[in-house]
Amino acid sequence: MEDFLKKISFPLLKKQKATLLKVIENTDNVKQLEHLEGILLLIDGLQDLAVDKYGYKESTVFKLTKDGK
């Protein structure tokens, strides 16, 4: 799993997650919401694993800076 996490661009994943959250906020279709929330849970799980088990910094994995990185 650690090799898999090393291949993830967390700066890009954070941007993608932020975009996904905006899409979720603007979606009224219940079926789409369920699917998008499932993807969001997958991202959250990967982020939690990276920090909790493999020692990645929270700021690297979770927090967006002012410039979106």
PDB file of N, CA and C in Angstrom:
ATOM      1  N   MET A   1       0.826  -1.197   0.000  1.00  0.00           N
ATOM      2  CA  MET A   1       0.000   0.000   0.000  1.00  0.00           C
ATOM      3  C   MET A   1       0.865   1.253   0.000  1.00  0.00           C
ATOM      4  N   GLU A   2       1.992   1.186   0.698  1.00  0.00           N
ATOM      5  CA  GLU A   2       2.857   2.361   0.752  1.00  0.00           C
ATOM      6  C   GLU A   2       3.349   2.752  -0.638  1.00  0.00           C
ATOM      7  N   ASP A   3       3.683   1.765  -1.466  1.00  0.00           N
ATOM      8  CA  ASP A   3       4.102   2.060  -2.841  1.00  0.00           C
ATOM      9  C   ASP A   3       2.973   2.735  -3.611  1.00  0.00           C
ATOM     10  N   PHE A   4       1.755   2.294  -3.367  1.00  0.00           N
ATOM     11  CA  PHE A   4       0.592   2.893  -4.020  1.00  0.00           C
ATOM     12  C   PHE A   4       0.448   4.356  -3.601  1.00  0.00           C
ATOM     13  N   LEU A   5       0.583   4.636  -2.304  1.00  0.00           N
ATOM     14  CA  LEU A   5       0.442   6.006  -1.808  1.00  0.00           C
ATOM     15  C   LEU A   5       1.527   6.924  -2.356  1.00  0.00           C
ATOM     16  N   LYS A   6       2.722   6.376  -2.565  1.00  0.00           N
ATOM     17  CA  LYS A   6       3.816   7.192  -3.113  1.00  0.00           C
ATOM     18  C   LYS A   6       3.516   7.686  -4.521  1.00  0.00           C
ATOM     19  N   LYS A   7       2.642   6.987  -5.221  1.00  0.00           N
ATOM     20  CA  LYS A   7       2.297   7.361  -6.593  1.00  0.00           C
ATOM     21  C   LYS A   7       1.205   8.424  -6.647  1.00  0.00           C
ATOM     22  N   ILE A   8       0.599   8.728  -5.506  1.00  0.00           N
ATOM     23  CA  ILE A   8      -0.483   9.714  -5.465  1.00  0.00           C
ATOM     24  C   ILE A   8       0.105  11.109  -5.348  1.00  0.00           C
ATOM     25  N   SER A   9      -0.350  11.992  -6.197  1.00  0.00           N
ATOM     26  CA  SER A   9       0.007  13.406  -6.080  1.00  0.00           C
ATOM     27  C   SER A   9      -1.004  14.037  -5.124  1.00  0.00           C
ATOM     28  N   PHE A  10      -0.618  14.191  -3.864  1.00  0.00           N
ATOM     29  CA  PHE A  10      -1.560  14.730  -2.892  1.00  0.00           C
ATOM     30  C   PHE A  10      -1.949  16.182  -3.177  1.00  0.00           C
ATOM     31  N   PRO A  11      -1.045  17.013  -3.696  1.00  0.00           N
ATOM     32  CA  PRO A  11      -1.508  18.355  -4.070  1.00  0.00           C
ATOM     33  C   PRO A  11      -2.623  18.310  -5.121  1.00  0.00           C
ATOM     34  N   LEU A  12      -2.494  17.440  -6.104  1.00  0.00           N
ATOM     35  CA  LEU A  12      -3.533  17.301  -7.120  1.00  0.00           C
ATOM     36  C   LEU A  12      -4.794  16.680  -6.527  1.00  0.00           C
ATOM     37  N   LEU A  13      -4.639  15.665  -5.678  1.00  0.00           N
ATOM     38  CA  LEU A  13      -5.793  15.023  -5.058  1.00  0.00           C
ATOM     39  C   LEU A  13      -6.587  16.019  -4.216  1.00  0.00           C
ATOM     40  N   LYS A  14      -5.890  16.912  -3.512  1.00  0.00           N
ATOM     41  CA  LYS A  14      -6.580  17.927  -2.712  1.00  0.00           C
ATOM     42  C   LYS A  14      -7.415  18.849  -3.605  1.00  0.00           C
ATOM     43  N   LYS A  15      -6.866  19.231  -4.745  1.00  0.00           N
ATOM     44  CA  LYS A  15      -7.614  20.073  -5.687  1.00  0.00           C
ATOM     45  C   LYS A  15      -8.817  19.322  -6.247  1.00  0.00           C
ATOM     46  N   GLN A  16      -8.612  18.070  -6.587  1.00  0.00           N
ATOM     47  CA  GLN A  16      -9.706  17.258  -7.118  1.00  0.00           C
ATOM     48  C   GLN A  16     -10.803  17.070  -6.075  1.00  0.00           C
ATOM     49  N   LYS A  17     -10.414  16.876  -4.829  1.00  0.00           N
ATOM     50  CA  LYS A  17     -11.387  16.719  -3.760  1.00  0.00           C
ATOM     51  C   LYS A  17     -12.186  18.010  -3.577  1.00  0.00           C
ATOM     52  N   ALA A  18     -11.506  19.145  -3.619  1.00  0.00           N
ATOM     53  CA  ALA A  18     -12.195  20.433  -3.486  1.00  0.00           C
ATOM     54  C   ALA A  18     -13.204  20.632  -4.610  1.00  0.00           C
ATOM     55  N   THR A  19     -12.824  20.258  -5.814  1.00  0.00           N
ATOM     56  CA  THR A  19     -13.738  20.354  -6.957  1.00  0.00           C
ATOM     57  C   THR A  19     -14.924  19.430  -6.770  1.00  0.00           C
ATOM     58  N   LEU A  20     -14.655  18.214  -6.325  1.00  0.00           N
ATOM     59  CA  LEU A  20     -15.722  17.247  -6.084  1.00  0.00           C
ATOM     60  C   LEU A  20     -16.700  17.767  -5.030  1.00  0.00           C
ATOM     61  N   LEU A  21     -16.188  18.377  -3.976  1.00  0.00           N
ATOM     62  CA  LEU A  21     -17.055  18.932  -2.942  1.00  0.00           C
ATOM     63  C   LEU A  21     -17.957  20.030  -3.506  1.00  0.00           C
ATOM     64  N   LYS A  22     -17.419  20.859  -4.400  1.00  0.00           N
ATOM     65  CA  LYS A  22     -18.235  21.907  -5.037  1.00  0.00           C
ATOM     66  C   LYS A  22     -19.329  21.297  -5.906  1.00  0.00           C
ATOM     67  N   VAL A  23     -18.986  20.248  -6.635  1.00  0.00           N
ATOM     68  CA  VAL A  23     -19.980  19.569  -7.478  1.00  0.00           C
ATOM     69  C   VAL A  23     -21.075  18.970  -6.603  1.00  0.00           C
ATOM     70  N   ILE A  24     -20.677  18.346  -5.499  1.00  0.00           N
ATOM     71  CA  ILE A  24     -21.653  17.742  -4.590  1.00  0.00           C
ATOM     72  C   ILE A  24     -22.599  18.804  -4.039  1.00  0.00           C
ATOM     73  N   GLU A  25     -22.061  19.956  -3.678  1.00  0.00           N
ATOM     74  CA  GLU A  25     -22.887  21.043  -3.143  1.00  0.00           C
ATOM     75  C   GLU A  25     -23.933  21.519  -4.140  1.00  0.00           C
ATOM     76  N   ASN A  26     -23.636  21.403  -5.421  1.00  0.00           N
ATOM     77  CA  ASN A  26     -24.520  21.932  -6.457  1.00  0.00           C
ATOM     78  C   ASN A  26     -25.331  20.862  -7.175  1.00  0.00           C
ATOM     79  N   THR A  27     -25.344  19.647  -6.629  1.00  0.00           N
ATOM     80  CA  THR A  27     -26.057  18.556  -7.273  1.00  0.00           C
ATOM     81  C   THR A  27     -27.328  18.230  -6.505  1.00  0.00           C
ATOM     82  N   ASP A  28     -28.432  18.187  -7.223  1.00  0.00           N
ATOM     83  CA  ASP A  28     -29.714  17.836  -6.615  1.00  0.00           C
ATOM     84  C   ASP A  28     -30.109  16.384  -6.893  1.00  0.00           C
ATOM     85  N   ASN A  29     -29.440  15.747  -7.831  1.00  0.00           N
ATOM     86  CA  ASN A  29     -29.758  14.379  -8.217  1.00  0.00           C
ATOM     87  C   ASN A  29     -29.269  13.416  -7.133  1.00  0.00           C
ATOM     88  N   VAL A  30     -30.200  12.755  -6.467  1.00  0.00           N
ATOM     89  CA  VAL A  30     -29.877  11.893  -5.327  1.00  0.00           C
ATOM     90  C   VAL A  30     -28.951  10.747  -5.727  1.00  0.00           C
ATOM     91  N   LYS A  31     -29.204  10.118  -6.846  1.00  0.00           N
ATOM     92  CA  LYS A  31     -28.378   8.995  -7.307  1.00  0.00           C
ATOM     93  C   LYS A  31     -26.937   9.467  -7.559  1.00  0.00           C
ATOM     94  N   GLN A  32     -26.796  10.626  -8.215  1.00  0.00           N
ATOM     95  CA  GLN A  32     -25.454  11.177  -8.455  1.00  0.00           C
ATOM     96  C   GLN A  32     -24.767  11.515  -7.141  1.00  0.00           C
ATOM     97  N   LEU A  33     -25.522  12.084  -6.208  1.00  0.00           N
ATOM     98  CA  LEU A  33     -24.950  12.420  -4.900  1.00  0.00           C
ATOM     99  C   LEU A  33     -24.394  11.175  -4.207  1.00  0.00           C
ATOM    100  N   GLU A  34     -25.150  10.094  -4.252  1.00  0.00           N
ATOM    101  CA  GLU A  34     -24.689   8.851  -3.623  1.00  0.00           C
ATOM    102  C   GLU A  34     -23.382   8.380  -4.247  1.00  0.00           C
ATOM    103  N   HIS A  35     -23.282   8.443  -5.548  1.00  0.00           N
ATOM    104  CA  HIS A  35     -22.067   8.000  -6.233  1.00  0.00           C
ATOM    105  C   HIS A  35     -20.891   8.921  -5.917  1.00  0.00           C
ATOM    106  N   LEU A  36     -21.126  10.213  -5.966  1.00  0.00           N
ATOM    107  CA  LEU A  36     -20.050  11.173  -5.706  1.00  0.00           C
ATOM    108  C   LEU A  36     -19.589  11.110  -4.252  1.00  0.00           C
ATOM    109  N   GLU A  37     -20.525  10.912  -3.338  1.00  0.00           N
ATOM    110  CA  GLU A  37     -20.152  10.790  -1.932  1.00  0.00           C
ATOM    111  C   GLU A  37     -19.337   9.522  -1.688  1.00  0.00           C
ATOM    112  N   GLY A  38     -19.603   8.481  -2.449  1.00  0.00           N
ATOM    113  CA  GLY A  38     -18.805   7.258  -2.353  1.00  0.00           C
ATOM    114  C   GLY A  38     -17.362   7.511  -2.763  1.00  0.00           C
ATOM    115  N   ILE A  39     -17.171   8.275  -3.820  1.00  0.00           N
ATOM    116  CA  ILE A  39     -15.815   8.629  -4.253  1.00  0.00           C
ATOM    117  C   ILE A  39     -15.139   9.498  -3.195  1.00  0.00           C
ATOM    118  N   LEU A  40     -15.901  10.414  -2.612  1.00  0.00           N
ATOM    119  CA  LEU A  40     -15.372  11.271  -1.561  1.00  0.00           C
ATOM    120  C   LEU A  40     -14.912  10.439  -0.356  1.00  0.00           C
ATOM    121  N   LEU A  41     -15.683   9.436   0.003  1.00  0.00           N
ATOM    122  CA  LEU A  41     -15.290   8.554   1.106  1.00  0.00           C
ATOM    123  C   LEU A  41     -14.011   7.779   0.785  1.00  0.00           C
ATOM    124  N   LEU A  42     -13.851   7.384  -0.457  1.00  0.00           N
ATOM    125  CA  LEU A  42     -12.627   6.703  -0.875  1.00  0.00           C
ATOM    126  C   LEU A  42     -11.417   7.629  -0.716  1.00  0.00           C
ATOM    127  N   ILE A  43     -11.560   8.868  -1.156  1.00  0.00           N
ATOM    128  CA  ILE A  43     -10.473   9.846  -1.013  1.00  0.00           C
ATOM    129  C   ILE A  43     -10.156  10.066   0.465  1.00  0.00           C
ATOM    130  N   ASP A  44     -11.200  10.246   1.283  1.00  0.00           N
ATOM    131  CA  ASP A  44     -10.994  10.435   2.720  1.00  0.00           C
ATOM    132  C   ASP A  44     -10.247   9.253   3.328  1.00  0.00           C
ATOM    133  N   GLY A  45     -10.619   8.056   2.927  1.00  0.00           N
ATOM    134  CA  GLY A  45      -9.959   6.860   3.439  1.00  0.00           C
ATOM    135  C   GLY A  45      -8.488   6.800   3.068  1.00  0.00           C
ATOM    136  N   LEU A  46      -8.177   7.157   1.836  1.00  0.00           N
ATOM    137  CA  LEU A  46      -6.774   7.186   1.397  1.00  0.00           C
ATOM    138  C   LEU A  46      -5.985   8.233   2.179  1.00  0.00           C
ATOM    139  N   GLN A  47      -6.596   9.383   2.386  1.00  0.00           N
ATOM    140  CA  GLN A  47      -5.918  10.439   3.133  1.00  0.00           C
ATOM    141  C   GLN A  47      -5.685  10.004   4.587  1.00  0.00           C
ATOM    142  N   ASP A  48      -6.694   9.431   5.209  1.00  0.00           N
ATOM    143  CA  ASP A  48      -6.553   8.960   6.588  1.00  0.00           C
ATOM    144  C   ASP A  48      -5.455   7.913   6.701  1.00  0.00           C
ATOM    145  N   LEU A  49      -5.434   6.979   5.790  1.00  0.00           N
ATOM    146  CA  LEU A  49      -4.427   5.925   5.789  1.00  0.00           C
ATOM    147  C   LEU A  49      -3.020   6.508   5.640  1.00  0.00           C
ATOM    148  N   ALA A  50      -2.873   7.447   4.726  1.00  0.00           N
ATOM    149  CA  ALA A  50      -1.561   8.055   4.496  1.00  0.00           C
ATOM    150  C   ALA A  50      -1.034   8.723   5.766  1.00  0.00           C
ATOM    151  N   VAL A  51      -1.901   9.414   6.483  1.00  0.00           N
ATOM    152  CA  VAL A  51      -1.485  10.123   7.694  1.00  0.00           C
ATOM    153  C   VAL A  51      -1.350   9.171   8.874  1.00  0.00           C
ATOM    154  N   ASP A  52      -2.384   8.388   9.122  1.00  0.00           N
ATOM    155  CA  ASP A  52      -2.437   7.566  10.335  1.00  0.00           C
ATOM    156  C   ASP A  52      -1.488   6.374  10.322  1.00  0.00           C
ATOM    157  N   LYS A  53      -1.347   5.732   9.184  1.00  0.00           N
ATOM    158  CA  LYS A  53      -0.535   4.509   9.139  1.00  0.00           C
ATOM    159  C   LYS A  53       0.860   4.731   8.560  1.00  0.00           C
ATOM    160  N   TYR A  54       0.976   5.655   7.594  1.00  0.00           N
ATOM    161  CA  TYR A  54       2.248   5.799   6.899  1.00  0.00           C
ATOM    162  C   TYR A  54       2.981   7.096   7.209  1.00  0.00           C
ATOM    163  N   GLY A  55       2.446   7.893   8.125  1.00  0.00           N
ATOM    164  CA  GLY A  55       3.185   9.039   8.639  1.00  0.00           C
ATOM    165  C   GLY A  55       3.286  10.255   7.739  1.00  0.00           C
ATOM    166  N   TYR A  56       2.436  10.348   6.731  1.00  0.00           N
ATOM    167  CA  TYR A  56       2.430  11.555   5.917  1.00  0.00           C
ATOM    168  C   TYR A  56       1.970  12.733   6.767  1.00  0.00           C
ATOM    169  N   LYS A  57       2.478  13.926   6.473  1.00  0.00           N
ATOM    170  CA  LYS A  57       2.056  15.118   7.198  1.00  0.00           C
ATOM    171  C   LYS A  57       0.616  15.469   6.827  1.00  0.00           C
ATOM    172  N   GLU A  58      -0.170  15.847   7.831  1.00  0.00           N
ATOM    173  CA  GLU A  58      -1.554  16.251   7.568  1.00  0.00           C
ATOM    174  C   GLU A  58      -1.610  17.403   6.588  1.00  0.00           C
ATOM    175  N   SER A  59      -0.681  18.341   6.721  1.00  0.00           N
ATOM    176  CA  SER A  59      -0.699  19.508   5.832  1.00  0.00           C
ATOM    177  C   SER A  59      -0.424  19.118   4.382  1.00  0.00           C
ATOM    178  N   THR A  60       0.302  18.045   4.179  1.00  0.00           N
ATOM    179  CA  THR A  60       0.573  17.564   2.826  1.00  0.00           C
ATOM    180  C   THR A  60      -0.659  16.889   2.239  1.00  0.00           C
ATOM    181  N   VAL A  61      -1.381  16.171   3.062  1.00  0.00           N
ATOM    182  CA  VAL A  61      -2.467  15.319   2.596  1.00  0.00           C
ATOM    183  C   VAL A  61      -3.817  16.028   2.607  1.00  0.00           C
ATOM    184  N   PHE A  62      -4.083  16.862   3.631  1.00  0.00           N
ATOM    185  CA  PHE A  62      -5.427  17.398   3.802  1.00  0.00           C
ATOM    186  C   PHE A  62      -5.598  18.880   3.485  1.00  0.00           C
ATOM    187  N   LYS A  63      -4.726  19.713   3.905  1.00  0.00           N
ATOM    188  CA  LYS A  63      -4.997  21.146   3.913  1.00  0.00           C
ATOM    189  C   LYS A  63      -4.578  21.838   2.632  1.00  0.00           C
ATOM    190  N   LEU A  64      -5.486  22.641   2.113  1.00  0.00           N
ATOM    191  CA  LEU A  64      -5.164  23.477   0.969  1.00  0.00           C
ATOM    192  C   LEU A  64      -4.596  24.798   1.452  1.00  0.00           C
ATOM    193  N   THR A  65      -3.563  25.262   0.777  1.00  0.00           N
ATOM    194  CA  THR A  65      -3.027  26.577   1.093  1.00  0.00           C
ATOM    195  C   THR A  65      -3.830  27.629   0.353  1.00  0.00           C
ATOM    196  N   LYS A  66      -3.505  28.873   0.574  1.00  0.00           N
ATOM    197  CA  LYS A  66      -4.239  29.958  -0.078  1.00  0.00           C
ATOM    198  C   LYS A  66      -4.193  29.882  -1.597  1.00  0.00           C
ATOM    199  N   ASP A  67      -3.090  29.366  -2.134  1.00  0.00           N
ATOM    200  CA  ASP A  67      -2.979  29.286  -3.597  1.00  0.00           C
ATOM    201  C   ASP A  67      -3.540  27.978  -4.157  1.00  0.00           C
ATOM    202  N   GLY A  68      -4.210  27.188  -3.311  1.00  0.00           N
ATOM    203  CA  GLY A  68      -4.895  25.988  -3.793  1.00  0.00           C
ATOM    204  C   GLY A  68      -4.034  24.750  -3.861  1.00  0.00           C
ATOM    205  N   LYS A  69      -2.845  24.774  -3.263  1.00  0.00           N
ATOM    206  CA  LYS A  69      -1.961  23.603  -3.315  1.00  0.00           C
ATOM    207  C   LYS A  69      -2.055  22.791  -2.048  1.00  0.00           C
TER     208      LYS A  69
END
